[in-house]
Amino acid sequence: MAHSTTAPDARRAPAQKAPALWTDYIQLLKPRVMSLVVFTAFVGLVCAGTPINPLLGAVAILCIAVGAGASAAFNMWYDADIDAVMRRTRGRPVPAGKVQGADALGLGIVLTLLSVLLLALTTNWLAAGLLAFTIFFYAVVYTMWLKRWTAQNIVIGGLAGALPPAIGWAAASGTAPANAWLLVAIIFLWTPPHFWALSLYTSQDYAKAGVPMMPVVKGATSTRLQILVYSIVLIPVCIAPFFTGLGHLPYLAVSALGGAVFLLLAWRLFRSKAGEGADPRNTPELYDVKAGAKDARNLFAYSIGYLFALFATLAAERMLGMA
């Protein structure tokens, strides 16, 4: 276990330099992360196989997107202190002084109430309850506790990012059966190798911010081994929907062949020296890394495409009538 030594008062954002623009508030919602949440929730809604009014379906997806934005706003408010010292995050609206922390907190509260209540009124309370739990888990359990206190922050906290397919499924059908949770399990197991690959070449930032990411606490060698182990566990789970009837032959091909490439990249990363030695450059770019970290960068980038391919194939099969 480890914890941040950052003083709580450091969370206060710098004085606002100029009136905030609407684009600054959009950035508070982490639109890149929101896009993945929206996509996986849509796939869950489609895979439920329950007819739903297109307008209600669109409202449900909108509510899930707004809920994801609320989580991000809470995160931006609470993490302003550590965001300010990390290259990748120092340009975010709160640490950059574009939006006040209190405004980010207020936005998170308003969006939470709006998204949960509207989802309950237009679909059902199961979906709304799952959305409320997801926001709470990300904002409180992960952001305020796990992220600063344990190297298992990404493993446990990954549940928040894994739940959108179940929320989408529940919004359509009012239920959350085993196949919905299988989709959750895929994202849950995908999260550690995905984020630990990123943390291998950004560990210097995490160490400076006092965030106990796995490479900071256990070292690069242990992190590379854990990435390989999680990848070995992940791929069979990714293939499993074919055997439960959720996926069909196209899905089997994508999950198996794509999974083989995933394992190859994880093996190369394991055999590499990624994460060993500091990167002297001062770039915030995710994909601009020194030569020794390219294997970590490659797995990080590929993992995004692999997850997208899995869920896109499931949605395509269902929409083409392969039920």
C-alpha atoms as a PDB file:
ATOM      1  CA  MET A   1       0.000   0.000   0.000  1.00  0.00           C
ATOM      2  CA  ALA A   2       1.128   3.549  -0.649  1.00  0.00           C
ATOM      3  CA  HIS A   3      -0.357   6.986  -0.434  1.00  0.00           C
ATOM      4  CA  SER A   4       0.155  10.421  -1.813  1.00  0.00           C
ATOM      5  CA  THR A   5       1.944  12.997   0.303  1.00  0.00           C
ATOM      6  CA  THR A   6       0.379  15.861  -1.635  1.00  0.00           C
ATOM      7  CA  ALA A   7      -1.105  18.453   0.719  1.00  0.00           C
ATOM      8  CA  PRO A   8      -4.898  18.734   0.442  1.00  0.00           C
ATOM      9  CA  ASP A   9      -4.672  22.538   0.057  1.00  0.00           C
ATOM     10  CA  ALA A  10      -2.715  22.018  -3.151  1.00  0.00           C
ATOM     11  CA  ARG A  11      -5.954  20.923  -4.755  1.00  0.00           C
ATOM     12  CA  ARG A  12      -6.993  24.532  -5.007  1.00  0.00           C
ATOM     13  CA  ALA A  13      -6.775  25.662  -8.612  1.00  0.00           C
ATOM     14  CA  PRO A  14      -4.722  28.701  -9.587  1.00  0.00           C
ATOM     15  CA  ALA A  15      -6.547  31.976  -9.959  1.00  0.00           C
ATOM     16  CA  GLN A  16      -8.707  32.039 -13.056  1.00  0.00           C
ATOM     17  CA  LYS A  17      -6.821  33.875 -15.789  1.00  0.00           C
ATOM     18  CA  ALA A  18      -9.803  34.764 -17.984  1.00  0.00           C
ATOM     19  CA  PRO A  19     -13.511  33.968 -18.276  1.00  0.00           C
ATOM     20  CA  ALA A  20     -13.962  30.262 -19.025  1.00  0.00           C
ATOM     21  CA  LEU A  21     -14.961  29.309 -22.551  1.00  0.00           C
ATOM     22  CA  TRP A  22     -17.597  26.705 -23.323  1.00  0.00           C
ATOM     23  CA  THR A  23     -14.822  24.506 -24.708  1.00  0.00           C
ATOM     24  CA  ASP A  24     -13.168  24.516 -21.280  1.00  0.00           C
ATOM     25  CA  TYR A  25     -16.302  23.017 -19.756  1.00  0.00           C
ATOM     26  CA  ILE A  26     -16.421  20.410 -22.518  1.00  0.00           C
ATOM     27  CA  GLN A  27     -12.857  19.436 -21.608  1.00  0.00           C
ATOM     28  CA  LEU A  28     -13.985  18.967 -17.998  1.00  0.00           C
ATOM     29  CA  LEU A  29     -16.142  16.087 -19.235  1.00  0.00           C
ATOM     30  CA  LYS A  30     -13.164  14.207 -20.738  1.00  0.00           C
ATOM     31  CA  PRO A  31     -14.743  13.750 -24.192  1.00  0.00           C
ATOM     32  CA  ARG A  32     -12.258  11.057 -25.273  1.00  0.00           C
ATOM     33  CA  VAL A  33     -13.129   8.884 -22.298  1.00  0.00           C
ATOM     34  CA  MET A  34     -16.816   9.702 -22.755  1.00  0.00           C
ATOM     35  CA  SER A  35     -16.710   8.443 -26.347  1.00  0.00           C
ATOM     36  CA  LEU A  36     -15.588   4.990 -25.188  1.00  0.00           C
ATOM     37  CA  VAL A  37     -18.268   4.952 -22.481  1.00  0.00           C
ATOM     38  CA  VAL A  38     -20.955   5.912 -24.996  1.00  0.00           C
ATOM     39  CA  PHE A  39     -19.806   3.293 -27.482  1.00  0.00           C
ATOM     40  CA  THR A  40     -19.714   0.389 -25.014  1.00  0.00           C
ATOM     41  CA  ALA A  41     -23.057   1.430 -23.509  1.00  0.00           C
ATOM     42  CA  PHE A  42     -24.590   1.515 -27.002  1.00  0.00           C
ATOM     43  CA  VAL A  43     -23.287  -1.994 -27.678  1.00  0.00           C
ATOM     44  CA  GLY A  44     -24.834  -3.203 -24.428  1.00  0.00           C
ATOM     45  CA  LEU A  45     -28.150  -1.631 -25.388  1.00  0.00           C
ATOM     46  CA  VAL A  46     -28.053  -3.261 -28.838  1.00  0.00           C
ATOM     47  CA  CYS A  47     -26.952  -6.674 -27.543  1.00  0.00           C
ATOM     48  CA  ALA A  48     -29.850  -6.775 -25.090  1.00  0.00           C
ATOM     49  CA  GLY A  49     -32.002  -7.717 -28.075  1.00  0.00           C
ATOM     50  CA  THR A  50     -35.016  -5.954 -26.598  1.00  0.00           C
ATOM     51  CA  PRO A  51     -36.932  -3.539 -28.857  1.00  0.00           C
ATOM     52  CA  ILE A  52     -36.697  -0.004 -27.512  1.00  0.00           C
ATOM     53  CA  ASN A  53     -38.136   3.205 -28.870  1.00  0.00           C
ATOM     54  CA  PRO A  54     -35.270   4.889 -30.793  1.00  0.00           C
ATOM     55  CA  LEU A  55     -35.890   8.172 -28.992  1.00  0.00           C
ATOM     56  CA  LEU A  56     -35.773   6.514 -25.579  1.00  0.00           C
ATOM     57  CA  GLY A  57     -32.651   4.637 -26.630  1.00  0.00           C
ATOM     58  CA  ALA A  58     -30.991   7.896 -27.657  1.00  0.00           C
ATOM     59  CA  VAL A  59     -32.002   9.526 -24.377  1.00  0.00           C
ATOM     60  CA  ALA A  60     -30.576   6.558 -22.446  1.00  0.00           C
ATOM     61  CA  ILE A  61     -27.233   6.836 -24.220  1.00  0.00           C
ATOM     62  CA  LEU A  62     -27.243  10.599 -23.657  1.00  0.00           C
ATOM     63  CA  CYS A  63     -27.850  10.066 -19.940  1.00  0.00           C
ATOM     64  CA  ILE A  64     -24.966   7.614 -19.725  1.00  0.00           C
ATOM     65  CA  ALA A  65     -22.723  10.087 -21.560  1.00  0.00           C
ATOM     66  CA  VAL A  66     -23.748  12.909 -19.209  1.00  0.00           C
ATOM     67  CA  GLY A  67     -23.129  10.628 -16.219  1.00  0.00           C
ATOM     68  CA  ALA A  68     -19.640   9.882 -17.532  1.00  0.00           C
ATOM     69  CA  GLY A  69     -19.097  13.614 -17.883  1.00  0.00           C
ATOM     70  CA  ALA A  70     -20.207  14.132 -14.299  1.00  0.00           C
ATOM     71  CA  SER A  71     -17.654  11.576 -13.114  1.00  0.00           C
ATOM     72  CA  ALA A  72     -14.948  13.343 -15.090  1.00  0.00           C
ATOM     73  CA  ALA A  73     -15.878  16.747 -13.638  1.00  0.00           C
ATOM     74  CA  PHE A  74     -15.624  15.363 -10.095  1.00  0.00           C
ATOM     75  CA  ASN A  75     -12.260  13.845 -10.998  1.00  0.00           C
ATOM     76  CA  MET A  76     -10.991  17.121 -12.487  1.00  0.00           C
ATOM     77  CA  TRP A  77     -12.029  18.980  -9.325  1.00  0.00           C
ATOM     78  CA  TYR A  78     -10.471  16.583  -6.828  1.00  0.00           C
ATOM     79  CA  ASP A  79      -7.318  15.788  -8.793  1.00  0.00           C
ATOM     80  CA  ALA A  80      -6.372  19.369  -9.659  1.00  0.00           C
ATOM     81  CA  ASP A  81      -3.340  19.148  -7.364  1.00  0.00           C
ATOM     82  CA  ILE A  82      -1.780  16.116  -9.006  1.00  0.00           C
ATOM     83  CA  ASP A  83      -2.911  17.112 -12.498  1.00  0.00           C
ATOM     84  CA  ALA A  84      -0.925  20.331 -12.121  1.00  0.00           C
ATOM     85  CA  VAL A  85       2.401  18.496 -11.804  1.00  0.00           C
ATOM     86  CA  MET A  86       1.926  15.855 -14.495  1.00  0.00           C
ATOM     87  CA  ARG A  87       2.936  16.595 -18.085  1.00  0.00           C
ATOM     88  CA  ARG A  88      -0.043  14.742 -19.536  1.00  0.00           C
ATOM     89  CA  THR A  89      -2.661  16.540 -17.425  1.00  0.00           C
ATOM     90  CA  ARG A  90      -1.287  19.970 -16.505  1.00  0.00           C
ATOM     91  CA  GLY A  91      -3.175  21.606 -19.378  1.00  0.00           C
ATOM     92  CA  ARG A  92      -6.566  20.482 -18.068  1.00  0.00           C
ATOM     93  CA  PRO A  93      -9.012  23.328 -17.331  1.00  0.00           C
ATOM     94  CA  VAL A  94      -8.756  23.378 -13.527  1.00  0.00           C
ATOM     95  CA  PRO A  95      -4.961  23.156 -13.022  1.00  0.00           C
ATOM     96  CA  ALA A  96      -4.479  25.542 -15.954  1.00  0.00           C
ATOM     97  CA  GLY A  97      -6.672  28.124 -14.228  1.00  0.00           C
ATOM     98  CA  LYS A  98      -9.306  28.162 -16.959  1.00  0.00           C
ATOM     99  CA  VAL A  99     -12.110  26.839 -14.713  1.00  0.00           C
ATOM    100  CA  GLN A 100     -12.400  27.170 -10.945  1.00  0.00           C
ATOM    101  CA  GLY A 101     -12.503  23.951  -8.919  1.00  0.00           C
ATOM    102  CA  ALA A 102     -15.828  24.923  -7.335  1.00  0.00           C
ATOM    103  CA  ASP A 103     -17.351  25.296 -10.792  1.00  0.00           C
ATOM    104  CA  ALA A 104     -16.127  21.825 -11.790  1.00  0.00           C
ATOM    105  CA  LEU A 105     -17.623  20.384  -8.595  1.00  0.00           C
ATOM    106  CA  GLY A 106     -20.921  22.157  -9.172  1.00  0.00           C
ATOM    107  CA  LEU A 107     -21.067  20.925 -12.747  1.00  0.00           C
ATOM    108  CA  GLY A 108     -20.479  17.366 -11.578  1.00  0.00           C
ATOM    109  CA  ILE A 109     -23.333  17.562  -9.063  1.00  0.00           C
ATOM    110  CA  VAL A 110     -25.793  19.031 -11.574  1.00  0.00           C
ATOM    111  CA  LEU A 111     -24.920  16.522 -14.285  1.00  0.00           C
ATOM    112  CA  THR A 112     -25.200  13.614 -11.847  1.00  0.00           C
ATOM    113  CA  LEU A 113     -28.707  14.568 -10.740  1.00  0.00           C
ATOM    114  CA  LEU A 114     -29.810  15.284 -14.299  1.00  0.00           C
ATOM    115  CA  SER A 115     -28.478  12.064 -15.825  1.00  0.00           C
ATOM    116  CA  VAL A 116     -29.646   9.664 -13.107  1.00  0.00           C
ATOM    117  CA  LEU A 117     -33.152  11.130 -12.745  1.00  0.00           C
ATOM    118  CA  LEU A 118     -33.737  11.397 -16.483  1.00  0.00           C
ATOM    119  CA  LEU A 119     -32.565   7.820 -17.052  1.00  0.00           C
ATOM    120  CA  ALA A 120     -34.898   6.599 -14.305  1.00  0.00           C
ATOM    121  CA  LEU A 121     -37.878   8.470 -15.762  1.00  0.00           C
ATOM    122  CA  THR A 122     -37.294   7.395 -19.373  1.00  0.00           C
ATOM    123  CA  THR A 123     -36.135   3.771 -18.886  1.00  0.00           C
ATOM    124  CA  ASN A 124     -36.037   2.097 -15.475  1.00  0.00           C
ATOM    125  CA  TRP A 125     -34.548   2.341 -12.004  1.00  0.00           C
ATOM    126  CA  LEU A 126     -32.123  -0.555 -12.516  1.00  0.00           C
ATOM    127  CA  ALA A 127     -30.298   1.346 -15.241  1.00  0.00           C
ATOM    128  CA  ALA A 128     -30.453   4.562 -13.214  1.00  0.00           C
ATOM    129  CA  GLY A 129     -29.167   2.797 -10.113  1.00  0.00           C
ATOM    130  CA  LEU A 130     -26.245   1.299 -12.017  1.00  0.00           C
ATOM    131  CA  LEU A 131     -25.425   4.729 -13.438  1.00  0.00           C
ATOM    132  CA  ALA A 132     -25.542   6.336  -9.981  1.00  0.00           C
ATOM    133  CA  PHE A 133     -23.307   3.596  -8.589  1.00  0.00           C
ATOM    134  CA  THR A 134     -20.848   4.059 -11.456  1.00  0.00           C
ATOM    135  CA  ILE A 135     -20.566   7.799 -10.844  1.00  0.00           C
ATOM    136  CA  PHE A 136     -20.131   7.259  -7.093  1.00  0.00           C
ATOM    137  CA  PHE A 137     -17.556   4.525  -7.595  1.00  0.00           C
ATOM    138  CA  TYR A 138     -15.439   6.590  -9.969  1.00  0.00           C
ATOM    139  CA  ALA A 139     -15.718   9.900  -8.137  1.00  0.00           C
ATOM    140  CA  VAL A 140     -15.442   8.683  -4.556  1.00  0.00           C
ATOM    141  CA  VAL A 141     -14.040   5.145  -4.387  1.00  0.00           C
ATOM    142  CA  TYR A 142     -11.505   5.502  -7.199  1.00  0.00           C
ATOM    143  CA  THR A 143     -10.665   9.220  -7.367  1.00  0.00           C
ATOM    144  CA  MET A 144     -10.767  10.096  -3.666  1.00  0.00           C
ATOM    145  CA  TRP A 145      -9.465   6.827  -2.225  1.00  0.00           C
ATOM    146  CA  LEU A 146      -7.957   4.148  -4.463  1.00  0.00           C
ATOM    147  CA  LYS A 147      -5.978   6.371  -6.828  1.00  0.00           C
ATOM    148  CA  ARG A 148      -3.875   7.875  -4.042  1.00  0.00           C
ATOM    149  CA  TRP A 149      -3.655   4.921  -1.675  1.00  0.00           C
ATOM    150  CA  THR A 150      -2.931   1.662  -3.481  1.00  0.00           C
ATOM    151  CA  ALA A 151      -1.128   0.312  -6.520  1.00  0.00           C
ATOM    152  CA  GLN A 152      -4.294  -1.684  -7.220  1.00  0.00           C
ATOM    153  CA  ASN A 153      -6.117   1.572  -8.014  1.00  0.00           C
ATOM    154  CA  ILE A 154      -6.552   0.758 -11.698  1.00  0.00           C
ATOM    155  CA  VAL A 155      -7.546  -2.873 -11.050  1.00  0.00           C
ATOM    156  CA  ILE A 156     -10.341  -2.121  -8.586  1.00  0.00           C
ATOM    157  CA  GLY A 157     -11.237   1.282  -9.971  1.00  0.00           C
ATOM    158  CA  GLY A 158     -11.568  -0.213 -13.443  1.00  0.00           C
ATOM    159  CA  LEU A 159     -15.041  -1.400 -12.452  1.00  0.00           C
ATOM    160  CA  ALA A 160     -16.381   2.120 -13.022  1.00  0.00           C
ATOM    161  CA  GLY A 161     -15.230   2.148 -16.626  1.00  0.00           C
ATOM    162  CA  ALA A 162     -16.448  -1.403 -17.176  1.00  0.00           C
ATOM    163  CA  LEU A 163     -20.097  -0.897 -16.163  1.00  0.00           C
ATOM    164  CA  PRO A 164     -21.528   1.089 -19.153  1.00  0.00           C
ATOM    165  CA  PRO A 165     -22.466  -2.037 -21.199  1.00  0.00           C
ATOM    166  CA  ALA A 166     -24.530  -3.316 -18.275  1.00  0.00           C
ATOM    167  CA  ILE A 167     -26.188   0.087 -17.918  1.00  0.00           C
ATOM    168  CA  GLY A 168     -27.060   0.134 -21.617  1.00  0.00           C
ATOM    169  CA  TRP A 169     -28.368  -3.453 -21.442  1.00  0.00           C
ATOM    170  CA  ALA A 170     -30.489  -2.625 -18.393  1.00  0.00           C
ATOM    171  CA  ALA A 171     -31.842   0.514 -20.054  1.00  0.00           C
ATOM    172  CA  ALA A 172     -33.143  -1.565 -22.966  1.00  0.00           C
ATOM    173  CA  SER A 173     -34.414  -4.639 -21.156  1.00  0.00           C
ATOM    174  CA  GLY A 174     -34.754  -3.778 -17.490  1.00  0.00           C
ATOM    175  CA  THR A 175     -32.436  -6.677 -16.669  1.00  0.00           C
ATOM    176  CA  ALA A 176     -28.700  -7.329 -16.446  1.00  0.00           C
ATOM    177  CA  PRO A 177     -28.128 -11.016 -17.306  1.00  0.00           C
ATOM    178  CA  ALA A 178     -24.873 -12.971 -17.401  1.00  0.00           C
ATOM    179  CA  ASN A 179     -23.965 -11.849 -20.928  1.00  0.00           C
ATOM    180  CA  ALA A 180     -24.192  -8.209 -19.847  1.00  0.00           C
ATOM    181  CA  TRP A 181     -21.735  -8.911 -17.046  1.00  0.00           C
ATOM    182  CA  LEU A 182     -19.508 -10.786 -19.465  1.00  0.00           C
ATOM    183  CA  LEU A 183     -19.117  -7.520 -21.380  1.00  0.00           C
ATOM    184  CA  VAL A 184     -18.313  -5.816 -18.077  1.00  0.00           C
ATOM    185  CA  ALA A 185     -15.707  -8.496 -17.328  1.00  0.00           C
ATOM    186  CA  ILE A 186     -13.991  -7.934 -20.683  1.00  0.00           C
ATOM    187  CA  ILE A 187     -13.484  -4.228 -20.004  1.00  0.00           C
ATOM    188  CA  PHE A 188     -12.577  -4.868 -16.361  1.00  0.00           C
ATOM    189  CA  LEU A 189      -9.769  -7.290 -17.281  1.00  0.00           C
ATOM    190  CA  TRP A 190      -8.691  -5.141 -20.233  1.00  0.00           C
ATOM    191  CA  THR A 191      -8.131  -2.084 -18.043  1.00  0.00           C
ATOM    192  CA  PRO A 192      -4.957  -3.132 -16.121  1.00  0.00           C
ATOM    193  CA  PRO A 193      -2.806  -4.074 -19.140  1.00  0.00           C
ATOM    194  CA  HIS A 194      -4.098  -1.027 -21.003  1.00  0.00           C
ATOM    195  CA  PHE A 195      -3.339   1.530 -18.273  1.00  0.00           C
ATOM    196  CA  TRP A 196      -0.227  -0.140 -16.903  1.00  0.00           C
ATOM    197  CA  ALA A 197       1.270  -0.054 -20.392  1.00  0.00           C
ATOM    198  CA  LEU A 198       0.664   3.708 -20.370  1.00  0.00           C
ATOM    199  CA  SER A 199       2.018   4.087 -16.833  1.00  0.00           C
ATOM    200  CA  LEU A 200       5.275   2.360 -17.799  1.00  0.00           C
ATOM    201  CA  TYR A 201       6.282   5.360 -19.862  1.00  0.00           C
ATOM    202  CA  THR A 202       4.626   8.010 -17.682  1.00  0.00           C
ATOM    203  CA  SER A 203       5.761   6.639 -14.299  1.00  0.00           C
ATOM    204  CA  GLN A 204       8.022   9.638 -13.738  1.00  0.00           C
ATOM    205  CA  ASP A 205       4.961  11.886 -13.701  1.00  0.00           C
ATOM    206  CA  TYR A 206       3.053   9.594 -11.346  1.00  0.00           C
ATOM    207  CA  ALA A 207       6.013   9.433  -8.962  1.00  0.00           C
ATOM    208  CA  LYS A 208       6.326  13.228  -8.953  1.00  0.00           C
ATOM    209  CA  ALA A 209       2.596  13.560  -8.228  1.00  0.00           C
ATOM    210  CA  GLY A 210       2.685  10.959  -5.453  1.00  0.00           C
ATOM    211  CA  VAL A 211       0.303   8.587  -7.235  1.00  0.00           C
ATOM    212  CA  PRO A 212       1.132   4.939  -6.401  1.00  0.00           C
ATOM    213  CA  MET A 213       0.820   3.467  -9.874  1.00  0.00           C
ATOM    214  CA  MET A 214       2.193  -0.052 -10.253  1.00  0.00           C
ATOM    215  CA  PRO A 215       5.554   0.899 -11.860  1.00  0.00           C
ATOM    216  CA  VAL A 216       6.169   3.424  -9.082  1.00  0.00           C
ATOM    217  CA  VAL A 217       5.399   0.970  -6.266  1.00  0.00           C
ATOM    218  CA  LYS A 218       6.522  -2.398  -7.659  1.00  0.00           C
ATOM    219  CA  GLY A 219       8.887  -1.358 -10.425  1.00  0.00           C
ATOM    220  CA  ALA A 220       8.877  -1.805 -14.192  1.00  0.00           C
ATOM    221  CA  THR A 221       9.828  -5.517 -14.201  1.00  0.00           C
ATOM    222  CA  SER A 222       6.947  -6.522 -11.947  1.00  0.00           C
ATOM    223  CA  THR A 223       4.536  -4.332 -13.911  1.00  0.00           C
ATOM    224  CA  ARG A 224       5.518  -5.928 -17.226  1.00  0.00           C
ATOM    225  CA  LEU A 225       4.972  -9.387 -15.723  1.00  0.00           C
ATOM    226  CA  GLN A 226       1.540  -8.427 -14.382  1.00  0.00           C
ATOM    227  CA  ILE A 227       0.574  -7.009 -17.775  1.00  0.00           C
ATOM    228  CA  LEU A 228       1.450 -10.350 -19.371  1.00  0.00           C
ATOM    229  CA  VAL A 229      -0.508 -12.319 -16.751  1.00  0.00           C
ATOM    230  CA  TYR A 230      -3.596 -10.128 -17.112  1.00  0.00           C
ATOM    231  CA  SER A 231      -3.364 -10.408 -20.900  1.00  0.00           C
ATOM    232  CA  ILE A 232      -3.278 -14.207 -20.696  1.00  0.00           C
ATOM    233  CA  VAL A 233      -6.415 -14.130 -18.529  1.00  0.00           C
ATOM    234  CA  LEU A 234      -8.109 -11.466 -20.670  1.00  0.00           C
ATOM    235  CA  ILE A 235      -8.055 -13.149 -24.082  1.00  0.00           C
ATOM    236  CA  PRO A 236     -10.085 -16.287 -23.142  1.00  0.00           C
ATOM    237  CA  VAL A 237     -12.688 -14.005 -21.546  1.00  0.00           C
ATOM    238  CA  CYS A 238     -12.800 -11.966 -24.765  1.00  0.00           C
ATOM    239  CA  ILE A 239     -13.460 -15.167 -26.731  1.00  0.00           C
ATOM    240  CA  ALA A 240     -16.100 -16.403 -24.267  1.00  0.00           C
ATOM    241  CA  PRO A 241     -19.091 -14.523 -25.806  1.00  0.00           C
ATOM    242  CA  PHE A 242     -18.893 -16.909 -28.780  1.00  0.00           C
ATOM    243  CA  PHE A 243     -19.586 -19.830 -26.454  1.00  0.00           C
ATOM    244  CA  THR A 244     -22.391 -18.089 -24.568  1.00  0.00           C
ATOM    245  CA  GLY A 245     -24.258 -17.254 -27.775  1.00  0.00           C
ATOM    246  CA  LEU A 246     -23.634 -13.517 -27.510  1.00  0.00           C
ATOM    247  CA  GLY A 247     -21.084 -13.556 -30.329  1.00  0.00           C
ATOM    248  CA  HIS A 248     -20.929 -15.523 -33.566  1.00  0.00           C
ATOM    249  CA  LEU A 249     -18.279 -16.631 -36.070  1.00  0.00           C
ATOM    250  CA  PRO A 250     -17.156 -13.107 -37.074  1.00  0.00           C
ATOM    251  CA  TYR A 251     -16.746 -12.286 -33.395  1.00  0.00           C
ATOM    252  CA  LEU A 252     -14.788 -15.495 -32.806  1.00  0.00           C
ATOM    253  CA  ALA A 253     -12.389 -14.580 -35.593  1.00  0.00           C
ATOM    254  CA  VAL A 254     -11.892 -11.013 -34.362  1.00  0.00           C
ATOM    255  CA  SER A 255     -11.496 -11.966 -30.707  1.00  0.00           C
ATOM    256  CA  ALA A 256      -9.159 -14.917 -31.333  1.00  0.00           C
ATOM    257  CA  LEU A 257      -6.938 -13.409 -34.030  1.00  0.00           C
ATOM    258  CA  GLY A 258      -6.896  -9.996 -32.407  1.00  0.00           C
ATOM    259  CA  GLY A 259      -6.230 -11.643 -29.065  1.00  0.00           C
ATOM    260  CA  ALA A 260      -3.229 -13.469 -30.494  1.00  0.00           C
ATOM    261  CA  VAL A 261      -1.736 -10.131 -31.554  1.00  0.00           C
ATOM    262  CA  PHE A 262      -2.524  -8.716 -28.108  1.00  0.00           C
ATOM    263  CA  LEU A 263      -0.626 -11.583 -26.460  1.00  0.00           C
ATOM    264  CA  LEU A 264       2.302 -11.146 -28.830  1.00  0.00           C
ATOM    265  CA  LEU A 265       2.565  -7.456 -27.955  1.00  0.00           C
ATOM    266  CA  ALA A 266       2.252  -8.264 -24.237  1.00  0.00           C
ATOM    267  CA  TRP A 267       5.040 -10.839 -24.581  1.00  0.00           C
ATOM    268  CA  ARG A 268       7.279  -8.349 -26.382  1.00  0.00           C
ATOM    269  CA  LEU A 269       6.590  -5.812 -23.663  1.00  0.00           C
ATOM    270  CA  PHE A 270       7.444  -8.379 -20.991  1.00  0.00           C
ATOM    271  CA  ARG A 271      10.777  -9.086 -22.677  1.00  0.00           C
ATOM    272  CA  SER A 272      11.548  -5.386 -23.144  1.00  0.00           C
ATOM    273  CA  LYS A 273      13.085  -2.817 -20.823  1.00  0.00           C
ATOM    274  CA  ALA A 274      10.097  -0.470 -21.004  1.00  0.00           C
ATOM    275  CA  GLY A 275       9.696   1.635 -17.895  1.00  0.00           C
ATOM    276  CA  GLU A 276      13.338   1.429 -16.904  1.00  0.00           C
ATOM    277  CA  GLY A 277      15.038   4.803 -16.869  1.00  0.00           C
ATOM    278  CA  ALA A 278      13.505   8.251 -16.951  1.00  0.00           C
ATOM    279  CA  ASP A 279      12.421   9.987 -20.128  1.00  0.00           C
ATOM    280  CA  PRO A 280      14.255  13.349 -20.116  1.00  0.00           C
ATOM    281  CA  ARG A 281      11.893  14.955 -22.611  1.00  0.00           C
ATOM    282  CA  ASN A 282       9.091  17.268 -21.571  1.00  0.00           C
ATOM    283  CA  THR A 283       6.329  16.211 -23.936  1.00  0.00           C
ATOM    284  CA  PRO A 284       2.704  15.588 -22.875  1.00  0.00           C
ATOM    285  CA  GLU A 285       1.950  13.455 -25.936  1.00  0.00           C
ATOM    286  CA  LEU A 286       0.746   9.892 -25.259  1.00  0.00           C
ATOM    287  CA  TYR A 287       2.482   8.328 -28.241  1.00  0.00           C
ATOM    288  CA  ASP A 288       5.741  10.302 -28.375  1.00  0.00           C
ATOM    289  CA  VAL A 289       8.011   8.049 -26.340  1.00  0.00           C
ATOM    290  CA  LYS A 290      11.673   7.188 -26.197  1.00  0.00           C
ATOM    291  CA  ALA A 291      12.863   4.113 -28.085  1.00  0.00           C
ATOM    292  CA  GLY A 292      12.941   1.835 -25.030  1.00  0.00           C
ATOM    293  CA  ALA A 293       9.276   2.496 -24.256  1.00  0.00           C
ATOM    294  CA  LYS A 294       7.855   1.729 -27.694  1.00  0.00           C
ATOM    295  CA  ASP A 295       6.716  -1.761 -26.716  1.00  0.00           C
ATOM    296  CA  ALA A 296       4.604  -0.236 -23.923  1.00  0.00           C
ATOM    297  CA  ARG A 297       3.276   2.406 -26.296  1.00  0.00           C
ATOM    298  CA  ASN A 298       2.406  -0.231 -28.904  1.00  0.00           C
ATOM    299  CA  LEU A 299       0.388  -2.349 -26.471  1.00  0.00           C
ATOM    300  CA  PHE A 300      -1.379   0.719 -25.104  1.00  0.00           C
ATOM    301  CA  ALA A 301      -2.400   1.852 -28.605  1.00  0.00           C
ATOM    302  CA  TYR A 302      -3.347  -1.625 -29.829  1.00  0.00           C
ATOM    303  CA  SER A 303      -5.462  -2.360 -26.757  1.00  0.00           C
ATOM    304  CA  ILE A 304      -7.780   0.520 -27.662  1.00  0.00           C
ATOM    305  CA  GLY A 305      -8.290  -0.815 -31.187  1.00  0.00           C
ATOM    306  CA  TYR A 306      -8.807  -4.369 -29.938  1.00  0.00           C
ATOM    307  CA  LEU A 307     -11.522  -3.396 -27.480  1.00  0.00           C
ATOM    308  CA  PHE A 308     -13.240  -1.284 -30.133  1.00  0.00           C
ATOM    309  CA  ALA A 309     -13.109  -4.166 -32.630  1.00  0.00           C
ATOM    310  CA  LEU A 310     -14.644  -6.599 -30.144  1.00  0.00           C
ATOM    311  CA  PHE A 311     -17.589  -4.391 -29.295  1.00  0.00           C
ATOM    312  CA  ALA A 312     -18.095  -3.163 -32.854  1.00  0.00           C
ATOM    313  CA  THR A 313     -18.289  -6.759 -34.087  1.00  0.00           C
ATOM    314  CA  LEU A 314     -20.866  -7.684 -31.454  1.00  0.00           C
ATOM    315  CA  ALA A 315     -22.992  -4.677 -32.383  1.00  0.00           C
ATOM    316  CA  ALA A 316     -22.679  -5.388 -36.127  1.00  0.00           C
ATOM    317  CA  GLU A 317     -23.686  -9.023 -35.669  1.00  0.00           C
ATOM    318  CA  ARG A 318     -26.767  -8.065 -33.691  1.00  0.00           C
ATOM    319  CA  MET A 319     -27.780  -5.297 -36.086  1.00  0.00           C
ATOM    320  CA  LEU A 320     -27.376  -7.671 -39.026  1.00  0.00           C
ATOM    321  CA  GLY A 321     -29.732 -10.143 -37.379  1.00  0.00           C
ATOM    322  CA  MET A 322     -27.174 -12.715 -36.237  1.00  0.00           C
ATOM    323  CA  ALA A 323     -29.027 -13.366 -33.002  1.00  0.00           C
END
